[in-house]
């Protein structure tokens, strides 16, 4: 089923993006300085957004393709 494959691909992409943004946010947080003040909170907000999208995709995948 094509739509099931698309949901799987988007789920993997968004989970990967969440992991990358999380790593960047933690790195920026521990680096400190001016860059940390400027970007750390924005990266964590972006992570929460992508994490929300990934959870919605995973829940929809589990709901619609549970057979």
PDB file of N, CA and C in Angstrom:
ATOM      1  N   UNK A   1       0.849  -1.182   0.000  1.00  0.00           N
ATOM      2  CA  UNK A   1       0.000   0.000   0.000  1.00  0.00           C
ATOM      3  C   UNK A   1       0.892   1.243   0.000  1.00  0.00           C
ATOM      4  N   UNK A   2       0.658   2.120  -0.924  1.00  0.00           N
ATOM      5  CA  UNK A   2       1.498   3.292  -1.094  1.00  0.00           C
ATOM      6  C   UNK A   2       1.389   4.260   0.075  1.00  0.00           C
ATOM      7  N   UNK A   3       0.203   4.497   0.583  1.00  0.00           N
ATOM      8  CA  UNK A   3       0.042   5.452   1.675  1.00  0.00           C
ATOM      9  C   UNK A   3       0.718   4.947   2.949  1.00  0.00           C
ATOM     10  N   UNK A   4       0.710   3.647   3.187  1.00  0.00           N
ATOM     11  CA  UNK A   4       1.406   3.079   4.334  1.00  0.00           C
ATOM     12  C   UNK A   4       2.904   3.276   4.228  1.00  0.00           C
ATOM     13  N   UNK A   5       3.432   3.133   3.034  1.00  0.00           N
ATOM     14  CA  UNK A   5       4.859   3.347   2.808  1.00  0.00           C
ATOM     15  C   UNK A   5       5.221   4.810   3.018  1.00  0.00           C
ATOM     16  N   UNK A   6       4.375   5.705   2.557  1.00  0.00           N
ATOM     17  CA  UNK A   6       4.643   7.131   2.754  1.00  0.00           C
ATOM     18  C   UNK A   6       4.635   7.513   4.228  1.00  0.00           C
ATOM     19  N   UNK A   7       3.702   6.963   4.989  1.00  0.00           N
ATOM     20  CA  UNK A   7       3.648   7.255   6.421  1.00  0.00           C
ATOM     21  C   UNK A   7       4.909   6.725   7.102  1.00  0.00           C
ATOM     22  N   UNK A   8       5.363   5.535   6.708  1.00  0.00           N
ATOM     23  CA  UNK A   8       6.592   4.986   7.274  1.00  0.00           C
ATOM     24  C   UNK A   8       7.792   5.875   6.963  1.00  0.00           C
ATOM     25  N   UNK A   9       7.891   6.312   5.726  1.00  0.00           N
ATOM     26  CA  UNK A   9       9.017   7.156   5.310  1.00  0.00           C
ATOM     27  C   UNK A   9       8.989   8.487   6.058  1.00  0.00           C
ATOM     28  N   UNK A  10       7.818   9.123   6.120  1.00  0.00           N
ATOM     29  CA  UNK A  10       7.720  10.398   6.840  1.00  0.00           C
ATOM     30  C   UNK A  10       7.996  10.229   8.331  1.00  0.00           C
ATOM     31  N   UNK A  11       7.556   9.112   8.893  1.00  0.00           N
ATOM     32  CA  UNK A  11       7.811   8.856  10.313  1.00  0.00           C
ATOM     33  C   UNK A  11       9.306   8.746  10.578  1.00  0.00           C
ATOM     34  N   UNK A  12      10.001   7.997   9.744  1.00  0.00           N
ATOM     35  CA  UNK A  12      11.447   7.841   9.902  1.00  0.00           C
ATOM     36  C   UNK A  12      12.163   9.170   9.707  1.00  0.00           C
ATOM     37  N   UNK A  13      11.732   9.946   8.725  1.00  0.00           N
ATOM     38  CA  UNK A  13      12.355  11.248   8.472  1.00  0.00           C
ATOM     39  C   UNK A  13      12.162  12.167   9.672  1.00  0.00           C
ATOM     40  N   UNK A  14      10.953  12.246  10.196  1.00  0.00           N
ATOM     41  CA  UNK A  14      10.708  13.149  11.321  1.00  0.00           C
ATOM     42  C   UNK A  14      11.385  12.661  12.599  1.00  0.00           C
ATOM     43  N   UNK A  15      11.467  11.355  12.817  1.00  0.00           N
ATOM     44  CA  UNK A  15      12.199  10.852  13.971  1.00  0.00           C
ATOM     45  C   UNK A  15      13.685  11.179  13.854  1.00  0.00           C
ATOM     46  N   UNK A  16      14.227  11.073  12.645  1.00  0.00           N
ATOM     47  CA  UNK A  16      15.621  11.455  12.419  1.00  0.00           C
ATOM     48  C   UNK A  16      15.841  12.941  12.657  1.00  0.00           C
ATOM     49  N   UNK A  17      14.911  13.763  12.186  1.00  0.00           N
ATOM     50  CA  UNK A  17      15.018  15.206  12.412  1.00  0.00           C
ATOM     51  C   UNK A  17      14.947  15.551  13.891  1.00  0.00           C
ATOM     52  N   UNK A  18      14.089  14.863  14.624  1.00  0.00           N
ATOM     53  CA  UNK A  18      13.995  15.094  16.068  1.00  0.00           C
ATOM     54  C   UNK A  18      15.331  14.761  16.732  1.00  0.00           C
ATOM     55  N   UNK A  19      15.930  13.647  16.351  1.00  0.00           N
ATOM     56  CA  UNK A  19      17.210  13.248  16.934  1.00  0.00           C
ATOM     57  C   UNK A  19      18.308  14.251  16.601  1.00  0.00           C
ATOM     58  N   UNK A  20      18.349  14.709  15.361  1.00  0.00           N
ATOM     59  CA  UNK A  20      19.380  15.677  14.945  1.00  0.00           C
ATOM     60  C   UNK A  20      19.208  16.998  15.685  1.00  0.00           C
ATOM     61  N   UNK A  21      17.972  17.481  15.767  1.00  0.00           N
ATOM     62  CA  UNK A  21      17.722  18.755  16.454  1.00  0.00           C
ATOM     63  C   UNK A  21      18.025  18.624  17.944  1.00  0.00           C
ATOM     64  N   UNK A  22      17.699  17.472  18.529  1.00  0.00           N
ATOM     65  CA  UNK A  22      18.007  17.246  19.943  1.00  0.00           C
ATOM     66  C   UNK A  22      19.511  17.284  20.179  1.00  0.00           C
ATOM     67  N   UNK A  23      20.277  16.621  19.335  1.00  0.00           N
ATOM     68  CA  UNK A  23      21.732  16.619  19.474  1.00  0.00           C
ATOM     69  C   UNK A  23      22.293  18.021  19.296  1.00  0.00           C
ATOM     70  N   UNK A  24      21.799  18.754  18.308  1.00  0.00           N
ATOM     71  CA  UNK A  24      22.263  20.133  18.106  1.00  0.00           C
ATOM     72  C   UNK A  24      21.913  21.021  19.296  1.00  0.00           C
ATOM     73  N   UNK A  25      20.713  20.837  19.838  1.00  0.00           N
ATOM     74  CA  UNK A  25      20.296  21.635  20.988  1.00  0.00           C
ATOM     75  C   UNK A  25      21.126  21.351  22.226  1.00  0.00           C
ATOM     76  N   UNK A  26      21.413  20.087  22.478  1.00  0.00           N
ATOM     77  CA  UNK A  26      22.233  19.728  23.634  1.00  0.00           C
ATOM     78  C   UNK A  26      23.667  20.228  23.451  1.00  0.00           C
ATOM     79  N   UNK A  27      24.194  20.104  22.252  1.00  0.00           N
ATOM     80  CA  UNK A  27      25.548  20.586  21.969  1.00  0.00           C
ATOM     81  C   UNK A  27      25.627  22.093  22.189  1.00  0.00           C
ATOM     82  N   UNK A  28      24.635  22.817  21.711  1.00  0.00           N
ATOM     83  CA  UNK A  28      24.602  24.269  21.880  1.00  0.00           C
ATOM     84  C   UNK A  28      24.458  24.639  23.352  1.00  0.00           C
ATOM     85  N   UNK A  29      23.657  23.880  24.082  1.00  0.00           N
ATOM     86  CA  UNK A  29      23.450  24.149  25.497  1.00  0.00           C
ATOM     87  C   UNK A  29      24.751  23.988  26.285  1.00  0.00           C
ATOM     88  N   UNK A  30      25.492  22.921  26.007  1.00  0.00           N
ATOM     89  CA  UNK A  30      26.730  22.681  26.743  1.00  0.00           C
ATOM     90  C   UNK A  30      27.886  23.553  26.264  1.00  0.00           C
ATOM     91  N   UNK A  31      27.789  24.046  25.041  1.00  0.00           N
ATOM     92  CA  UNK A  31      28.840  24.911  24.519  1.00  0.00           C
ATOM     93  C   UNK A  31      28.872  26.235  25.276  1.00  0.00           C
ATOM     94  N   UNK A  32      27.694  26.729  25.618  1.00  0.00           N
ATOM     95  CA  UNK A  32      27.604  27.974  26.385  1.00  0.00           C
ATOM     96  C   UNK A  32      27.902  29.197  25.532  1.00  0.00           C
ATOM     97  N   UNK A  33      28.000  30.328  26.202  1.00  0.00           N
ATOM     98  CA  UNK A  33      28.328  31.565  25.504  1.00  0.00           C
ATOM     99  C   UNK A  33      27.132  32.205  24.833  1.00  0.00           C
ATOM    100  N   UNK A  34      27.444  33.103  23.922  1.00  0.00           N
ATOM    101  CA  UNK A  34      26.416  33.874  23.224  1.00  0.00           C
ATOM    102  C   UNK A  34      25.557  32.998  22.316  1.00  0.00           C
ATOM    103  N   UNK A  35      26.182  32.027  21.673  1.00  0.00           N
ATOM    104  CA  UNK A  35      25.435  31.132  20.779  1.00  0.00           C
ATOM    105  C   UNK A  35      24.384  30.346  21.558  1.00  0.00           C
ATOM    106  N   UNK A  36      24.726  29.934  22.748  1.00  0.00           N
ATOM    107  CA  UNK A  36      23.785  29.174  23.574  1.00  0.00           C
ATOM    108  C   UNK A  36      22.584  30.033  23.947  1.00  0.00           C
ATOM    109  N   UNK A  37      22.825  31.259  24.328  1.00  0.00           N
ATOM    110  CA  UNK A  37      21.731  32.152  24.706  1.00  0.00           C
ATOM    111  C   UNK A  37      20.794  32.403  23.534  1.00  0.00           C
ATOM    112  N   UNK A  38      21.365  32.477  22.352  1.00  0.00           N
ATOM    113  CA  UNK A  38      20.592  32.849  21.172  1.00  0.00           C
ATOM    114  C   UNK A  38      19.832  31.664  20.557  1.00  0.00           C
ATOM    115  N   UNK A  39      20.452  30.490  20.550  1.00  0.00           N
ATOM    116  CA  UNK A  39      19.895  29.389  19.758  1.00  0.00           C
ATOM    117  C   UNK A  39      19.341  28.216  20.552  1.00  0.00           C
ATOM    118  N   UNK A  40      19.736  28.045  21.794  1.00  0.00           N
ATOM    119  CA  UNK A  40      19.360  26.846  22.538  1.00  0.00           C
ATOM    120  C   UNK A  40      17.847  26.721  22.686  1.00  0.00           C
ATOM    121  N   UNK A  41      17.191  27.775  23.098  1.00  0.00           N
ATOM    122  CA  UNK A  41      15.742  27.726  23.293  1.00  0.00           C
ATOM    123  C   UNK A  41      15.004  27.533  21.967  1.00  0.00           C
ATOM    124  N   UNK A  42      15.473  28.168  20.908  1.00  0.00           N
ATOM    125  CA  UNK A  42      14.834  28.014  19.596  1.00  0.00           C
ATOM    126  C   UNK A  42      14.953  26.581  19.090  1.00  0.00           C
ATOM    127  N   UNK A  43      16.127  25.970  19.309  1.00  0.00           N
ATOM    128  CA  UNK A  43      16.305  24.582  18.874  1.00  0.00           C
ATOM    129  C   UNK A  43      15.409  23.634  19.660  1.00  0.00           C
ATOM    130  N   UNK A  44      15.258  23.877  20.936  1.00  0.00           N
ATOM    131  CA  UNK A  44      14.398  23.006  21.732  1.00  0.00           C
ATOM    132  C   UNK A  44      12.920  23.188  21.348  1.00  0.00           C
ATOM    133  N   UNK A  45      12.507  24.404  21.017  1.00  0.00           N
ATOM    134  CA  UNK A  45      11.137  24.626  20.547  1.00  0.00           C
ATOM    135  C   UNK A  45      10.913  23.929  19.208  1.00  0.00           C
ATOM    136  N   UNK A  46      11.909  23.979  18.337  1.00  0.00           N
ATOM    137  CA  UNK A  46      11.826  23.297  17.049  1.00  0.00           C
ATOM    138  C   UNK A  46      11.761  21.787  17.252  1.00  0.00           C
ATOM    139  N   UNK A  47      12.511  21.280  18.222  1.00  0.00           N
ATOM    140  CA  UNK A  47      12.479  19.857  18.534  1.00  0.00           C
ATOM    141  C   UNK A  47      11.095  19.430  18.994  1.00  0.00           C
ATOM    142  N   UNK A  48      10.476  20.232  19.834  1.00  0.00           N
ATOM    143  CA  UNK A  48       9.135  19.896  20.321  1.00  0.00           C
ATOM    144  C   UNK A  48       8.140  19.874  19.161  1.00  0.00           C
ATOM    145  N   UNK A  49       8.251  20.800  18.244  1.00  0.00           N
ATOM    146  CA  UNK A  49       7.367  20.831  17.074  1.00  0.00           C
ATOM    147  C   UNK A  49       7.535  19.572  16.231  1.00  0.00           C
ATOM    148  N   UNK A  50       8.782  19.226  15.897  1.00  0.00           N
ATOM    149  CA  UNK A  50       9.022  18.038  15.083  1.00  0.00           C
ATOM    150  C   UNK A  50       8.661  16.758  15.839  1.00  0.00           C
ATOM    151  N   UNK A  51       8.846  16.768  17.135  1.00  0.00           N
ATOM    152  CA  UNK A  51       8.468  15.613  17.940  1.00  0.00           C
ATOM    153  C   UNK A  51       6.944  15.429  17.927  1.00  0.00           C
ATOM    154  N   UNK A  52       6.208  16.517  17.995  1.00  0.00           N
ATOM    155  CA  UNK A  52       4.748  16.456  17.911  1.00  0.00           C
ATOM    156  C   UNK A  52       4.315  15.878  16.566  1.00  0.00           C
ATOM    157  N   UNK A  53       4.916  16.347  15.491  1.00  0.00           N
ATOM    158  CA  UNK A  53       4.571  15.839  14.160  1.00  0.00           C
ATOM    159  C   UNK A  53       4.907  14.357  14.052  1.00  0.00           C
ATOM    160  N   UNK A  54       6.067  13.957  14.579  1.00  0.00           N
ATOM    161  CA  UNK A  54       6.470  12.551  14.520  1.00  0.00           C
ATOM    162  C   UNK A  54       5.501  11.674  15.313  1.00  0.00           C
ATOM    163  N   UNK A  55       5.071  12.128  16.469  1.00  0.00           N
ATOM    164  CA  UNK A  55       4.132  11.349  17.274  1.00  0.00           C
ATOM    165  C   UNK A  55       2.796  11.213  16.545  1.00  0.00           C
ATOM    166  N   UNK A  56       2.323  12.296  15.954  1.00  0.00           N
ATOM    167  CA  UNK A  56       1.064  12.229  15.192  1.00  0.00           C
ATOM    168  C   UNK A  56       1.190  11.238  14.039  1.00  0.00           C
ATOM    169  N   UNK A  57       2.309  11.265  13.331  1.00  0.00           N
ATOM    170  CA  UNK A  57       2.505  10.318  12.235  1.00  0.00           C
ATOM    171  C   UNK A  57       2.553   8.878  12.737  1.00  0.00           C
ATOM    172  N   UNK A  58       3.260   8.641  13.832  1.00  0.00           N
ATOM    173  CA  UNK A  58       3.355   7.286  14.363  1.00  0.00           C
ATOM    174  C   UNK A  58       2.009   6.773  14.873  1.00  0.00           C
ATOM    175  N   UNK A  59       1.249   7.638  15.511  1.00  0.00           N
ATOM    176  CA  UNK A  59      -0.076   7.236  15.991  1.00  0.00           C
ATOM    177  C   UNK A  59      -1.005   6.966  14.812  1.00  0.00           C
ATOM    178  N   UNK A  60      -0.948   7.808  13.795  1.00  0.00           N
ATOM    179  CA  UNK A  60      -1.783   7.571  12.615  1.00  0.00           C
ATOM    180  C   UNK A  60      -1.361   6.292  11.899  1.00  0.00           C
ATOM    181  N   UNK A  61      -0.065   6.032  11.863  1.00  0.00           N
ATOM    182  CA  UNK A  61       0.416   4.785  11.268  1.00  0.00           C
ATOM    183  C   UNK A  61      -0.122   3.587  12.039  1.00  0.00           C
ATOM    184  N   UNK A  62      -0.059   3.641  13.354  1.00  0.00           N
ATOM    185  CA  UNK A  62      -0.543   2.527  14.171  1.00  0.00           C
ATOM    186  C   UNK A  62      -2.059   2.369  14.056  1.00  0.00           C
ATOM    187  N   UNK A  63      -2.775   3.467  13.943  1.00  0.00           N
ATOM    188  CA  UNK A  63      -4.234   3.407  13.887  1.00  0.00           C
ATOM    189  C   UNK A  63      -4.743   2.906  12.535  1.00  0.00           C
ATOM    190  N   UNK A  64      -4.231   3.488  11.458  1.00  0.00           N
ATOM    191  CA  UNK A  64      -4.763   3.173  10.135  1.00  0.00           C
ATOM    192  C   UNK A  64      -4.224   1.886   9.527  1.00  0.00           C
ATOM    193  N   UNK A  65      -3.047   1.464   9.983  1.00  0.00           N
ATOM    194  CA  UNK A  65      -2.431   0.283   9.371  1.00  0.00           C
ATOM    195  C   UNK A  65      -2.152  -0.793  10.402  1.00  0.00           C
ATOM    196  N   UNK A  66      -3.145  -1.070  11.261  1.00  0.00           N
ATOM    197  CA  UNK A  66      -2.951  -2.035  12.327  1.00  0.00           C
ATOM    198  C   UNK A  66      -3.198  -3.472  11.910  1.00  0.00           C
ATOM    199  N   UNK A  67      -3.564  -3.715  10.692  1.00  0.00           N
ATOM    200  CA  UNK A  67      -3.806  -5.082  10.224  1.00  0.00           C
ATOM    201  C   UNK A  67      -2.506  -5.722   9.984  1.00  0.00           C
TER     202      UNK A  67
END
